[in-house]
PDB file of N, CA and C in Angstrom:
ATOM      1  N   MET A   1       3.234 192.968  25.029  1.00  0.00           N
ATOM      2  CA  MET A   1       4.376 192.777  24.197  1.00  0.00           C
ATOM      3  C   MET A   1       4.894 191.353  24.410  1.00  0.00           C
ATOM      4  N   PRO A   2       5.047 190.575  23.348  1.00  0.00           N
ATOM      5  CA  PRO A   2       5.497 189.193  23.481  1.00  0.00           C
ATOM      6  C   PRO A   2       6.992 189.136  23.804  1.00  0.00           C
ATOM      7  N   LEU A   3       7.350 188.078  24.579  1.00  0.00           N
ATOM      8  CA  LEU A   3       8.753 187.883  24.943  1.00  0.00           C
ATOM      9  C   LEU A   3       9.514 187.300  23.770  1.00  0.00           C
ATOM     10  N   GLN A   4      10.694 187.796  23.557  1.00  0.00           N
ATOM     11  CA  GLN A   4      11.552 187.300  22.493  1.00  0.00           C
ATOM     12  C   GLN A   4      12.444 186.188  23.055  1.00  0.00           C
ATOM     13  N   PRO A   5      12.570 185.074  22.360  1.00  0.00           N
ATOM     14  CA  PRO A   5      13.484 184.041  22.841  1.00  0.00           C
ATOM     15  C   PRO A   5      14.925 184.550  22.797  1.00  0.00           C
ATOM     16  N   VAL A   6      15.655 184.221  23.817  1.00  0.00           N
ATOM     17  CA  VAL A   6      17.052 184.654  23.900  1.00  0.00           C
ATOM     18  C   VAL A   6      17.914 183.519  23.369  1.00  0.00           C
ATOM     19  N   MET A   7      18.796 183.815  22.461  1.00  0.00           N
ATOM     20  CA  MET A   7      19.680 182.827  21.872  1.00  0.00           C
ATOM     21  C   MET A   7      21.053 182.980  22.511  1.00  0.00           C
ATOM     22  N   MET A   8      21.580 181.887  23.011  1.00  0.00           N
ATOM     23  CA  MET A   8      22.920 181.898  23.584  1.00  0.00           C
ATOM     24  C   MET A   8      23.880 181.438  22.504  1.00  0.00           C
ATOM     25  N   THR A   9      24.871 182.252  22.248  1.00  0.00           N
ATOM     26  CA  THR A   9      25.862 181.863  21.248  1.00  0.00           C
ATOM     27  C   THR A   9      27.235 181.917  21.888  1.00  0.00           C
ATOM     28  N   ASP A  10      28.090 181.070  21.380  1.00  0.00           N
ATOM     29  CA  ASP A  10      29.474 181.042  21.850  1.00  0.00           C
ATOM     30  C   ASP A  10      30.273 181.975  20.949  1.00  0.00           C
ATOM     31  N   ASN A  11      30.684 183.087  21.505  1.00  0.00           N
ATOM     32  CA  ASN A  11      31.413 184.068  20.719  1.00  0.00           C
ATOM     33  C   ASN A  11      32.914 183.935  20.856  1.00  0.00           C
ATOM     34  N   SER A  12      33.372 182.870  21.513  1.00  0.00           N
ATOM     35  CA  SER A  12      34.825 182.751  21.685  1.00  0.00           C
ATOM     36  C   SER A  12      35.461 182.348  20.367  1.00  0.00           C
ATOM     37  N   ASP A  13      36.611 182.914  20.108  1.00  0.00           N
ATOM     38  CA  ASP A  13      37.292 182.658  18.842  1.00  0.00           C
ATOM     39  C   ASP A  13      38.375 181.584  18.952  1.00  0.00           C
ATOM     40  N   ASP A  14      38.667 181.101  20.201  1.00  0.00           N
ATOM     41  CA  ASP A  14      39.735 180.103  20.306  1.00  0.00           C
ATOM     42  C   ASP A  14      39.172 178.708  20.011  1.00  0.00           C
ATOM     43  N   ASP A  15      40.045 177.824  19.606  1.00  0.00           N
ATOM     44  CA  ASP A  15      39.636 176.469  19.210  1.00  0.00           C
ATOM     45  C   ASP A  15      39.897 175.442  20.314  1.00  0.00           C
ATOM     46  N   THR A  16      39.850 175.829  21.573  1.00  0.00           N
ATOM     47  CA  THR A  16      40.109 174.867  22.651  1.00  0.00           C
ATOM     48  C   THR A  16      38.941 173.902  22.759  1.00  0.00           C
ATOM     49  N   ASP A  17      39.307 172.652  23.048  1.00  0.00           N
ATOM     50  CA  ASP A  17      38.301 171.600  23.198  1.00  0.00           C
ATOM     51  C   ASP A  17      37.746 171.672  24.614  1.00  0.00           C
ATOM     52  N   LEU A  18      36.454 171.792  24.716  1.00  0.00           N
ATOM     53  CA  LEU A  18      35.828 171.885  26.034  1.00  0.00           C
ATOM     54  C   LEU A  18      35.279 170.520  26.454  1.00  0.00           C
ATOM     55  N   GLY A  19      36.069 169.471  26.280  1.00  0.00           N
ATOM     56  CA  GLY A  19      35.650 168.114  26.644  1.00  0.00           C
ATOM     57  C   GLY A  19      35.729 167.901  28.148  1.00  0.00           C
ATOM     58  N   VAL A  20      35.349 166.733  28.554  1.00  0.00           N
ATOM     59  CA  VAL A  20      35.361 166.376  29.970  1.00  0.00           C
ATOM     60  C   VAL A  20      36.782 165.990  30.374  1.00  0.00           C
ATOM     61  N   LEU A  21      37.215 166.545  31.474  1.00  0.00           N
ATOM     62  CA  LEU A  21      38.540 166.200  31.988  1.00  0.00           C
ATOM     63  C   LEU A  21      38.426 164.948  32.837  1.00  0.00           C
ATOM     64  N   THR A  22      39.268 164.008  32.560  1.00  0.00           N
ATOM     65  CA  THR A  22      39.274 162.804  33.399  1.00  0.00           C
ATOM     66  C   THR A  22      40.602 162.741  34.116  1.00  0.00           C
ATOM     67  N   LYS A  23      40.516 162.396  35.377  1.00  0.00           N
ATOM     68  CA  LYS A  23      41.716 162.313  36.186  1.00  0.00           C
ATOM     69  C   LYS A  23      42.003 160.837  36.431  1.00  0.00           C
ATOM     70  N   THR A  24      43.198 160.410  36.113  1.00  0.00           N
ATOM     71  CA  THR A  24      43.529 159.015  36.362  1.00  0.00           C
ATOM     72  C   THR A  24      44.151 158.905  37.738  1.00  0.00           C
ATOM     73  N   ARG A  25      43.601 158.005  38.514  1.00  0.00           N
ATOM     74  CA  ARG A  25      44.112 157.779  39.858  1.00  0.00           C
ATOM     75  C   ARG A  25      45.014 156.556  39.834  1.00  0.00           C
ATOM     76  N   PRO A  26      46.102 156.613  40.562  1.00  0.00           N
ATOM     77  CA  PRO A  26      46.934 155.413  40.637  1.00  0.00           C
ATOM     78  C   PRO A  26      46.167 154.320  41.393  1.00  0.00           C
ATOM     79  N   LYS A  27      46.288 153.094  40.906  1.00  0.00           N
ATOM     80  CA  LYS A  27      45.595 151.994  41.570  1.00  0.00           C
ATOM     81  C   LYS A  27      46.291 151.700  42.889  1.00  0.00           C
ATOM     82  N   THR A  28      45.498 151.658  43.936  1.00  0.00           N
ATOM     83  CA  THR A  28      46.080 151.308  45.227  1.00  0.00           C
ATOM     84  C   THR A  28      46.111 149.792  45.331  1.00  0.00           C
ATOM     85  N   GLN A  29      47.262 149.280  45.683  1.00  0.00           N
ATOM     86  CA  GLN A  29      47.398 147.835  45.798  1.00  0.00           C
ATOM     87  C   GLN A  29      46.934 147.387  47.165  1.00  0.00           C
ATOM     88  N   ARG A  30      46.270 146.237  47.177  1.00  0.00           N
ATOM     89  CA  ARG A  30      45.869 145.653  48.448  1.00  0.00           C
ATOM     90  C   ARG A  30      47.112 145.090  49.122  1.00  0.00           C
ATOM     91  N   PRO A  31      47.174 145.220  50.438  1.00  0.00           N
ATOM     92  CA  PRO A  31      48.333 144.645  51.124  1.00  0.00           C
ATOM     93  C   PRO A  31      48.331 143.121  50.960  1.00  0.00           C
ATOM     94  N   PRO A  32      49.505 142.528  50.941  1.00  0.00           N
ATOM     95  CA  PRO A  32      49.552 141.073  50.764  1.00  0.00           C
ATOM     96  C   PRO A  32      48.865 140.344  51.915  1.00  0.00           C
ATOM     97  N   ARG A  33      48.314 139.201  51.615  1.00  0.00           N
ATOM     98  CA  ARG A  33      47.627 138.382  52.617  1.00  0.00           C
ATOM     99  C   ARG A  33      48.502 137.168  52.898  1.00  0.00           C
ATOM    100  N   TYR A  34      48.340 136.616  54.093  1.00  0.00           N
ATOM    101  CA  TYR A  34      49.155 135.486  54.517  1.00  0.00           C
ATOM    102  C   TYR A  34      48.290 134.334  54.991  1.00  0.00           C
ATOM    103  N   LYS A  35      48.637 133.141  54.506  1.00  0.00           N
ATOM    104  CA  LYS A  35      47.940 131.928  54.919  1.00  0.00           C
ATOM    105  C   LYS A  35      48.561 131.434  56.220  1.00  0.00           C
ATOM    106  N   VAL A  36      47.715 131.081  57.167  1.00  0.00           N
ATOM    107  CA  VAL A  36      48.185 130.458  58.401  1.00  0.00           C
ATOM    108  C   VAL A  36      47.941 128.968  58.247  1.00  0.00           C
ATOM    109  N   LEU A  37      49.017 128.184  58.454  1.00  0.00           N
ATOM    110  CA  LEU A  37      48.963 126.737  58.254  1.00  0.00           C
ATOM    111  C   LEU A  37      49.203 126.007  59.566  1.00  0.00           C
ATOM    112  N   LEU A  38      48.455 124.941  59.757  1.00  0.00           N
ATOM    113  CA  LEU A  38      48.672 124.051  60.888  1.00  0.00           C
ATOM    114  C   LEU A  38      49.299 122.785  60.338  1.00  0.00           C
ATOM    115  N   LEU A  39      50.361 122.306  60.994  1.00  0.00           N
ATOM    116  CA  LEU A  39      51.086 121.133  60.517  1.00  0.00           C
ATOM    117  C   LEU A  39      50.810 119.929  61.400  1.00  0.00           C
ATOM    118  N   ASN A  40      50.758 118.771  60.797  1.00  0.00           N
ATOM    119  CA  ASN A  40      50.515 117.534  61.528  1.00  0.00           C
ATOM    120  C   ASN A  40      51.771 117.072  62.267  1.00  0.00           C
ATOM    121  N   ASP A  41      51.554 116.436  63.396  1.00  0.00           N
ATOM    122  CA  ASP A  41      52.640 115.736  64.095  1.00  0.00           C
ATOM    123  C   ASP A  41      52.029 114.478  64.714  1.00  0.00           C
ATOM    124  N   ASP A  42      52.886 113.615  65.205  1.00  0.00           N
ATOM    125  CA  ASP A  42      52.400 112.335  65.734  1.00  0.00           C
ATOM    126  C   ASP A  42      52.078 112.372  67.222  1.00  0.00           C
ATOM    127  N   TYR A  43      52.167 113.540  67.852  1.00  0.00           N
ATOM    128  CA  TYR A  43      52.027 113.591  69.306  1.00  0.00           C
ATOM    129  C   TYR A  43      50.887 114.458  69.823  1.00  0.00           C
ATOM    130  N   THR A  44      50.562 115.525  69.117  1.00  0.00           N
ATOM    131  CA  THR A  44      49.502 116.429  69.592  1.00  0.00           C
ATOM    132  C   THR A  44      48.149 115.745  69.448  1.00  0.00           C
ATOM    133  N   PRO A  45      47.384 115.662  70.545  1.00  0.00           N
ATOM    134  CA  PRO A  45      46.060 115.021  70.466  1.00  0.00           C
ATOM    135  C   PRO A  45      45.107 115.777  69.531  1.00  0.00           C
ATOM    136  N   MET A  46      44.280 115.024  68.837  1.00  0.00           N
ATOM    137  CA  MET A  46      43.317 115.617  67.906  1.00  0.00           C
ATOM    138  C   MET A  46      42.386 116.584  68.624  1.00  0.00           C
ATOM    139  N   GLU A  47      41.998 116.261  69.847  1.00  0.00           N
ATOM    140  CA  GLU A  47      41.084 117.121  70.608  1.00  0.00           C
ATOM    141  C   GLU A  47      41.731 118.480  70.882  1.00  0.00           C
ATOM    142  N   PHE A  48      43.045 118.485  71.101  1.00  0.00           N
ATOM    143  CA  PHE A  48      43.756 119.737  71.347  1.00  0.00           C
ATOM    144  C   PHE A  48      43.748 120.603  70.093  1.00  0.00           C
ATOM    145  N   VAL A  49      43.953 119.987  68.936  1.00  0.00           N
ATOM    146  CA  VAL A  49      43.939 120.723  67.659  1.00  0.00           C
ATOM    147  C   VAL A  49      42.560 121.339  67.438  1.00  0.00           C
ATOM    148  N   VAL A  50      41.511 120.588  67.712  1.00  0.00           N
ATOM    149  CA  VAL A  50      40.141 121.099  67.576  1.00  0.00           C
ATOM    150  C   VAL A  50      39.949 122.302  68.499  1.00  0.00           C
ATOM    151  N   MET A  51      40.426 122.193  69.728  1.00  0.00           N
ATOM    152  CA  MET A  51      40.293 123.297  70.684  1.00  0.00           C
ATOM    153  C   MET A  51      41.038 124.544  70.187  1.00  0.00           C
ATOM    154  N   VAL A  52      42.233 124.363  69.642  1.00  0.00           N
ATOM    155  CA  VAL A  52      43.013 125.488  69.103  1.00  0.00           C
ATOM    156  C   VAL A  52      42.249 126.171  67.970  1.00  0.00           C
ATOM    157  N   LEU A  53      41.683 125.392  67.070  1.00  0.00           N
ATOM    158  CA  LEU A  53      40.948 125.953  65.927  1.00  0.00           C
ATOM    159  C   LEU A  53      39.712 126.724  66.382  1.00  0.00           C
ATOM    160  N   GLU A  54      39.029 126.203  67.376  1.00  0.00           N
ATOM    161  CA  GLU A  54      37.845 126.894  67.902  1.00  0.00           C
ATOM    162  C   GLU A  54      38.254 128.189  68.616  1.00  0.00           C
ATOM    163  N   ARG A  55      39.279 128.085  69.437  1.00  0.00           N
ATOM    164  CA  ARG A  55      39.689 129.210  70.284  1.00  0.00           C
ATOM    165  C   ARG A  55      40.361 130.347  69.518  1.00  0.00           C
ATOM    166  N   PHE A  56      41.284 130.026  68.629  1.00  0.00           N
ATOM    167  CA  PHE A  56      42.077 131.069  67.968  1.00  0.00           C
ATOM    168  C   PHE A  56      41.585 131.452  66.565  1.00  0.00           C
ATOM    169  N   PHE A  57      40.736 130.600  65.981  1.00  0.00           N
ATOM    170  CA  PHE A  57      40.275 130.889  64.625  1.00  0.00           C
ATOM    171  C   PHE A  57      38.754 130.994  64.532  1.00  0.00           C
ATOM    172  N   GLY A  58      38.082 130.952  65.668  1.00  0.00           N
ATOM    173  CA  GLY A  58      36.640 131.182  65.722  1.00  0.00           C
ATOM    174  C   GLY A  58      35.793 130.165  64.974  1.00  0.00           C
ATOM    175  N   MET A  59      36.298 128.958  64.851  1.00  0.00           N
ATOM    176  CA  MET A  59      35.549 127.928  64.119  1.00  0.00           C
ATOM    177  C   MET A  59      34.539 127.247  65.029  1.00  0.00           C
ATOM    178  N   THR A  60      33.485 126.739  64.403  1.00  0.00           N
ATOM    179  CA  THR A  60      32.544 125.906  65.146  1.00  0.00           C
ATOM    180  C   THR A  60      33.225 124.566  65.401  1.00  0.00           C
ATOM    181  N   HIS A  61      32.638 123.766  66.271  1.00  0.00           N
ATOM    182  CA  HIS A  61      33.227 122.454  66.560  1.00  0.00           C
ATOM    183  C   HIS A  61      33.294 121.608  65.287  1.00  0.00           C
ATOM    184  N   ALA A  62      32.240 121.655  64.482  1.00  0.00           N
ATOM    185  CA  ALA A  62      32.189 120.857  63.242  1.00  0.00           C
ATOM    186  C   ALA A  62      33.267 121.320  62.258  1.00  0.00           C
ATOM    187  N   GLN A  63      33.419 122.642  62.089  1.00  0.00           N
ATOM    188  CA  GLN A  63      34.455 123.173  61.191  1.00  0.00           C
ATOM    189  C   GLN A  63      35.844 122.774  61.677  1.00  0.00           C
ATOM    190  N   ALA A  64      36.074 122.930  62.969  1.00  0.00           N
ATOM    191  CA  ALA A  64      37.375 122.609  63.554  1.00  0.00           C
ATOM    192  C   ALA A  64      37.689 121.123  63.392  1.00  0.00           C
ATOM    193  N   PHE A  65      36.686 120.289  63.560  1.00  0.00           N
ATOM    194  CA  PHE A  65      36.888 118.843  63.422  1.00  0.00           C
ATOM    195  C   PHE A  65      37.280 118.495  61.989  1.00  0.00           C
ATOM    196  N   GLU A  66      36.623 119.112  61.009  1.00  0.00           N
ATOM    197  CA  GLU A  66      36.942 118.860  59.596  1.00  0.00           C
ATOM    198  C   GLU A  66      38.373 119.299  59.258  1.00  0.00           C
ATOM    199  N   ILE A  67      38.761 120.472  59.721  1.00  0.00           N
ATOM    200  CA  ILE A  67      40.118 120.970  59.461  1.00  0.00           C
ATOM    201  C   ILE A  67      41.145 120.065  60.147  1.00  0.00           C
ATOM    202  N   MET A  68      40.854 119.660  61.378  1.00  0.00           N
ATOM    203  CA  MET A  68      41.762 118.767  62.101  1.00  0.00           C
ATOM    204  C   MET A  68      41.973 117.479  61.309  1.00  0.00           C
ATOM    205  N   LEU A  69      40.906 116.931  60.738  1.00  0.00           N
ATOM    206  CA  LEU A  69      41.032 115.707  59.937  1.00  0.00           C
ATOM    207  C   LEU A  69      41.876 115.954  58.692  1.00  0.00           C
ATOM    208  N   THR A  70      41.724 117.111  58.080  1.00  0.00           N
ATOM    209  CA  THR A  70      42.542 117.460  56.917  1.00  0.00           C
ATOM    210  C   THR A  70      44.010 117.522  57.304  1.00  0.00           C
ATOM    211  N   VAL A  71      44.302 118.162  58.429  1.00  0.00           N
ATOM    212  CA  VAL A  71      45.681 118.245  58.921  1.00  0.00           C
ATOM    213  C   VAL A  71      46.219 116.839  59.149  1.00  0.00           C
ATOM    214  N   HIS A  72      45.412 116.005  59.782  1.00  0.00           N
ATOM    215  CA  HIS A  72      45.821 114.638  60.110  1.00  0.00           C
ATOM    216  C   HIS A  72      46.083 113.805  58.850  1.00  0.00           C
ATOM    217  N   LYS A  73      45.210 113.928  57.862  1.00  0.00           N
ATOM    218  CA  LYS A  73      45.322 113.100  56.646  1.00  0.00           C
ATOM    219  C   LYS A  73      46.326 113.637  55.629  1.00  0.00           C
ATOM    220  N   LYS A  74      46.376 114.962  55.463  1.00  0.00           N
ATOM    221  CA  LYS A  74      47.214 115.556  54.411  1.00  0.00           C
ATOM    222  C   LYS A  74      48.529 116.139  54.920  1.00  0.00           C
ATOM    223  N   GLY A  75      48.671 116.219  56.227  1.00  0.00           N
ATOM    224  CA  GLY A  75      49.916 116.741  56.786  1.00  0.00           C
ATOM    225  C   GLY A  75      49.891 118.217  57.124  1.00  0.00           C
ATOM    226  N   LEU A  76      48.971 118.958  56.524  1.00  0.00           N
ATOM    227  CA  LEU A  76      48.819 120.376  56.844  1.00  0.00           C
ATOM    228  C   LEU A  76      47.496 120.875  56.291  1.00  0.00           C
ATOM    229  N   ALA A  77      47.080 122.035  56.779  1.00  0.00           N
ATOM    230  CA  ALA A  77      45.861 122.674  56.263  1.00  0.00           C
ATOM    231  C   ALA A  77      45.944 124.171  56.513  1.00  0.00           C
ATOM    232  N   VAL A  78      45.363 124.933  55.596  1.00  0.00           N
ATOM    233  CA  VAL A  78      45.236 126.384  55.777  1.00  0.00           C
ATOM    234  C   VAL A  78      44.075 126.594  56.744  1.00  0.00           C
ATOM    235  N   VAL A  79      44.344 127.323  57.816  1.00  0.00           N
ATOM    236  CA  VAL A  79      43.304 127.551  58.813  1.00  0.00           C
ATOM    237  C   VAL A  79      42.774 128.979  58.792  1.00  0.00           C
ATOM    238  N   GLY A  80      43.358 129.828  57.938  1.00  0.00           N
ATOM    239  CA  GLY A  80      42.875 131.194  57.787  1.00  0.00           C
ATOM    240  C   GLY A  80      43.824 132.002  56.918  1.00  0.00           C
ATOM    241  N   VAL A  81      43.314 133.116  56.404  1.00  0.00           N
ATOM    242  CA  VAL A  81      44.113 134.034  55.587  1.00  0.00           C
ATOM    243  C   VAL A  81      43.916 135.438  56.168  1.00  0.00           C
ATOM    244  N   PHE A  82      45.046 136.088  56.479  1.00  0.00           N
ATOM    245  CA  PHE A  82      44.994 137.345  57.220  1.00  0.00           C
ATOM    246  C   PHE A  82      46.044 138.322  56.708  1.00  0.00           C
ATOM    247  N   SER A  83      45.984 139.546  57.227  1.00  0.00           N
ATOM    248  CA  SER A  83      47.067 140.507  56.992  1.00  0.00           C
ATOM    249  C   SER A  83      48.308 139.972  57.699  1.00  0.00           C
ATOM    250  N   HIS A  84      49.468 140.527  57.373  1.00  0.00           N
ATOM    251  CA  HIS A  84      50.718 140.043  57.951  1.00  0.00           C
ATOM    252  C   HIS A  84      50.694 140.086  59.483  1.00  0.00           C
ATOM    253  N   GLU A  85      50.272 141.196  60.039  1.00  0.00           N
ATOM    254  CA  GLU A  85      50.295 141.366  61.490  1.00  0.00           C
ATOM    255  C   GLU A  85      49.377 140.376  62.196  1.00  0.00           C
ATOM    256  N   ILE A  86      48.191 140.189  61.656  1.00  0.00           N
ATOM    257  CA  ILE A  86      47.245 139.266  62.286  1.00  0.00           C
ATOM    258  C   ILE A  86      47.732 137.827  62.146  1.00  0.00           C
ATOM    259  N   ALA A  87      48.233 137.465  60.973  1.00  0.00           N
ATOM    260  CA  ALA A  87      48.753 136.107  60.767  1.00  0.00           C
ATOM    261  C   ALA A  87      49.901 135.836  61.739  1.00  0.00           C
ATOM    262  N   GLU A  88      50.791 136.793  61.868  1.00  0.00           N
ATOM    263  CA  GLU A  88      51.928 136.652  62.774  1.00  0.00           C
ATOM    264  C   GLU A  88      51.469 136.456  64.219  1.00  0.00           C
ATOM    265  N   THR A  89      50.469 137.219  64.606  1.00  0.00           N
ATOM    266  CA  THR A  89      49.924 137.114  65.965  1.00  0.00           C
ATOM    267  C   THR A  89      49.276 135.756  66.190  1.00  0.00           C
ATOM    268  N   LYS A  90      48.496 135.289  65.214  1.00  0.00           N
ATOM    269  CA  LYS A  90      47.832 133.984  65.341  1.00  0.00           C
ATOM    270  C   LYS A  90      48.863 132.869  65.487  1.00  0.00           C
ATOM    271  N   VAL A  91      49.912 132.905  64.662  1.00  0.00           N
ATOM    272  CA  VAL A  91      50.963 131.881  64.735  1.00  0.00           C
ATOM    273  C   VAL A  91      51.599 131.895  66.122  1.00  0.00           C
ATOM    274  N   ALA A  92      51.927 133.069  66.625  1.00  0.00           N
ATOM    275  CA  ALA A  92      52.553 133.193  67.943  1.00  0.00           C
ATOM    276  C   ALA A  92      51.627 132.679  69.043  1.00  0.00           C
ATOM    277  N   GLN A  93      50.348 133.018  68.960  1.00  0.00           N
ATOM    278  CA  GLN A  93      49.383 132.574  69.974  1.00  0.00           C
ATOM    279  C   GLN A  93      49.274 131.054  69.996  1.00  0.00           C
ATOM    280  N   VAL A  94      49.154 130.451  68.817  1.00  0.00           N
ATOM    281  CA  VAL A  94      49.005 129.000  68.728  1.00  0.00           C
ATOM    282  C   VAL A  94      50.267 128.308  69.240  1.00  0.00           C
ATOM    283  N   MET A  95      51.430 128.787  68.805  1.00  0.00           N
ATOM    284  CA  MET A  95      52.688 128.167  69.231  1.00  0.00           C
ATOM    285  C   MET A  95      52.875 128.286  70.741  1.00  0.00           C
ATOM    286  N   ASP A  96      52.573 129.441  71.293  1.00  0.00           N
ATOM    287  CA  ASP A  96      52.704 129.654  72.735  1.00  0.00           C
ATOM    288  C   ASP A  96      51.737 128.751  73.505  1.00  0.00           C
ATOM    289  N   PHE A  97      50.507 128.687  73.041  1.00  0.00           N
ATOM    290  CA  PHE A  97      49.489 127.862  73.691  1.00  0.00           C
ATOM    291  C   PHE A  97      49.894 126.383  73.660  1.00  0.00           C
ATOM    292  N   ALA A  98      50.399 125.926  72.523  1.00  0.00           N
ATOM    293  CA  ALA A  98      50.834 124.526  72.391  1.00  0.00           C
ATOM    294  C   ALA A  98      52.006 124.240  73.337  1.00  0.00           C
ATOM    295  N   ARG A  99      52.971 125.154  73.404  1.00  0.00           N
ATOM    296  CA  ARG A  99      54.133 124.947  74.294  1.00  0.00           C
ATOM    297  C   ARG A  99      53.698 124.882  75.755  1.00  0.00           C
ATOM    298  N   ARG A 100      52.796 125.799  76.121  1.00  0.00           N
ATOM    299  CA  ARG A 100      52.324 125.821  77.514  1.00  0.00           C
ATOM    300  C   ARG A 100      51.608 124.527  77.892  1.00  0.00           C
ATOM    301  N   HIS A 101      51.037 123.868  76.896  1.00  0.00           N
ATOM    302  CA  HIS A 101      50.360 122.587  77.140  1.00  0.00           C
ATOM    303  C   HIS A 101      51.243 121.398  76.761  1.00  0.00           C
ATOM    304  N   GLN A 102      52.508 121.682  76.510  1.00  0.00           N
ATOM    305  CA  GLN A 102      53.528 120.675  76.224  1.00  0.00           C
ATOM    306  C   GLN A 102      53.195 119.806  75.010  1.00  0.00           C
ATOM    307  N   HIS A 103      52.723 120.483  73.946  1.00  0.00           N
ATOM    308  CA  HIS A 103      52.458 119.796  72.680  1.00  0.00           C
ATOM    309  C   HIS A 103      53.382 120.373  71.608  1.00  0.00           C
ATOM    310  N   PRO A 104      53.854 119.527  70.693  1.00  0.00           N
ATOM    311  CA  PRO A 104      54.766 120.000  69.641  1.00  0.00           C
ATOM    312  C   PRO A 104      54.058 120.568  68.404  1.00  0.00           C
ATOM    313  N   LEU A 105      52.798 120.950  68.540  1.00  0.00           N
ATOM    314  CA  LEU A 105      52.025 121.463  67.406  1.00  0.00           C
ATOM    315  C   LEU A 105      52.763 122.621  66.728  1.00  0.00           C
ATOM    316  N   GLN A 106      52.826 122.586  65.409  1.00  0.00           N
ATOM    317  CA  GLN A 106      53.500 123.621  64.637  1.00  0.00           C
ATOM    318  C   GLN A 106      52.480 124.415  63.831  1.00  0.00           C
ATOM    319  N   CYS A 107      52.682 125.727  63.841  1.00  0.00           N
ATOM    320  CA  CYS A 107      51.823 126.638  63.086  1.00  0.00           C
ATOM    321  C   CYS A 107      52.745 127.602  62.360  1.00  0.00           C
ATOM    322  N   THR A 108      52.516 127.790  61.057  1.00  0.00           N
ATOM    323  CA  THR A 108      53.367 128.681  60.268  1.00  0.00           C
ATOM    324  C   THR A 108      52.494 129.588  59.419  1.00  0.00           C
ATOM    325  N   MET A 109      53.159 130.501  58.726  1.00  0.00           N
ATOM    326  CA  MET A 109      52.445 131.371  57.798  1.00  0.00           C
ATOM    327  C   MET A 109      53.261 131.521  56.518  1.00  0.00           C
ATOM    328  N   GLU A 110      52.558 131.722  55.421  1.00  0.00           N
ATOM    329  CA  GLU A 110      53.246 131.974  54.155  1.00  0.00           C
ATOM    330  C   GLU A 110      52.403 132.945  53.332  1.00  0.00           C
ATOM    331  N   LYS A 111      53.097 133.706  52.504  1.00  0.00           N
ATOM    332  CA  LYS A 111      52.429 134.710  51.674  1.00  0.00           C
ATOM    333  C   LYS A 111      51.498 134.033  50.676  1.00  0.00           C
ATOM    334  N   GLU A 112      50.307 134.592  50.544  1.00  0.00           N
ATOM    335  CA  GLU A 112      49.331 134.051  49.599  1.00  0.00           C
ATOM    336  C   GLU A 112      49.759 134.417  48.184  1.00  0.00           C
ATOM    337  N   ASP A 113      49.530 133.527  47.236  1.00  0.00           N
ATOM    338  CA  ASP A 113      49.903 133.779  45.825  1.00  0.00           C
ATOM    339  C   ASP A 113      49.021 134.820  45.192  1.00  0.00           C
TER     340      ASP A 113
END
């Protein structure tokens, strides 16, 4: 006896749309980032600035030297961009280290645009 094909039919009488449901998720915002800036002064030795950049910002000697020259020529340079807590910690570390070595080096942070 041959098999009969089975036909599936929709016997529902309601007119509901059986489309795909999409769920909209609220966009999560990234936390703001902060630029850490090193400021030029007439007293802090260039070698000390290079050492700070290598020690606290993980730069190679060549990278640190280039940033130090930018600070020297332009008056300031961005030395990194971090979350608020990390930027705050870096600024505090640099300022404390400079004071302990009796240098007036200034380090600040500002919110990234």
